[in-house]
Amino acid sequence: MAVAGFLLHSLPEDAGRVETEAAAFPEITTYGVHQGCYVVAVAEAPGRGMEELLGRVRGIDGVLAAYITSMTVEDELEP
């Protein structure tokens, strides 16, 4: 599994709903809203599927941008 930390940027009035919708994805855990407009989240998915997953999250109504803050695929690498 790849693990990616990211922020979803939204307008402050949309942040709560964006967090709720992002948290509904089984691969995503959210950690609240930072500075009123950034949903803090972590996604766990196969590395090859991460781009598609983040594309679906960016498609949530009210998401202005998604910023990946970290990503690791270490456990998917062959020894």
Protein backbone atom coordinates (compact mmCIF):
# COMPACT_ATOMS: atom_id res chain seq x y z
CA MET A 1 0.00 0.00 0.00
CA ALA A 2 1.06 3.53 -0.76
CA VAL A 3 0.35 6.17 1.87
CA ALA A 4 -0.18 9.79 0.87
CA GLY A 5 -0.79 12.78 3.12
CA PHE A 6 -2.60 15.66 1.46
CA LEU A 7 -4.62 18.82 1.97
CA LEU A 8 -7.89 19.58 0.25
CA HIS A 9 -8.34 23.32 -0.21
CA SER A 10 -11.90 24.64 -0.20
CA LEU A 11 -13.78 27.76 0.65
CA PRO A 12 -14.40 27.99 4.42
CA GLU A 13 -18.15 27.54 3.96
CA ASP A 14 -17.55 24.25 2.10
CA ALA A 15 -14.84 22.78 4.32
CA GLY A 16 -17.07 20.74 6.64
CA ARG A 17 -18.96 19.14 3.78
CA VAL A 18 -15.76 18.48 1.83
CA GLU A 19 -14.28 16.73 4.88
CA THR A 20 -17.41 14.59 5.29
CA GLU A 21 -17.40 13.58 1.63
CA ALA A 22 -13.67 12.82 1.61
CA ALA A 23 -14.01 10.73 4.78
CA ALA A 24 -16.69 8.64 3.05
CA PHE A 25 -14.00 7.14 0.78
CA PRO A 26 -12.90 3.88 2.45
CA GLU A 27 -9.24 4.55 1.56
CA ILE A 28 -9.18 8.00 3.21
CA THR A 29 -8.93 9.14 6.81
CA THR A 30 -9.48 12.82 7.57
CA TYR A 31 -8.06 14.76 10.50
CA GLY A 32 -10.14 17.91 10.59
CA VAL A 33 -10.05 21.31 8.97
CA HIS A 34 -6.95 23.50 9.33
CA GLN A 35 -7.14 27.31 9.11
CA GLY A 36 -10.82 27.04 8.18
CA CYS A 37 -10.25 25.91 4.60
CA TYR A 38 -7.79 22.97 4.42
CA VAL A 39 -9.05 19.43 5.04
CA VAL A 40 -6.16 17.34 6.37
CA ALA A 41 -6.26 13.77 5.05
CA VAL A 42 -4.31 10.57 4.52
CA ALA A 43 -5.01 8.04 1.76
CA GLU A 44 -3.94 4.39 1.77
CA ALA A 45 -4.23 2.61 -1.57
CA PRO A 46 -2.13 0.58 -3.99
CA GLY A 47 0.48 2.91 -5.50
CA ARG A 48 -0.80 2.36 -9.04
CA GLY A 49 -4.28 3.47 -7.96
CA MET A 50 -3.29 6.53 -5.93
CA GLU A 51 -3.46 9.00 -8.82
CA GLU A 52 -6.97 7.83 -9.74
CA LEU A 53 -8.10 8.02 -6.11
CA LEU A 54 -6.79 11.55 -5.69
CA GLY A 55 -8.47 12.50 -8.96
CA ARG A 56 -11.82 11.32 -7.57
CA VAL A 57 -11.23 13.30 -4.36
CA ARG A 58 -10.36 16.43 -6.36
CA GLY A 59 -13.74 15.96 -8.04
CA ILE A 60 -15.66 16.54 -4.82
CA ASP A 61 -17.83 19.62 -5.27
CA GLY A 62 -16.17 22.53 -3.47
CA VAL A 63 -12.56 21.28 -3.71
CA LEU A 64 -10.44 24.06 -5.17
CA ALA A 65 -7.15 22.10 -5.14
CA ALA A 66 -5.47 19.06 -3.61
CA TYR A 67 -1.92 19.40 -2.31
CA ILE A 68 0.06 16.23 -1.68
CA THR A 69 2.28 16.81 1.34
CA SER A 70 3.93 13.38 1.54
CA MET A 71 3.85 9.98 -0.10
CA THR A 72 5.56 6.69 0.54
CA VAL A 73 5.52 3.42 -1.36
CA GLU A 74 8.23 1.69 0.67
CA ASP A 75 6.21 -1.42 1.50
CA GLU A 76 5.50 -1.92 -2.22
CA LEU A 77 9.19 -2.00 -3.18
CA GLU A 78 10.84 -5.35 -3.72
CA PRO A 79 13.71 -6.10 -1.30
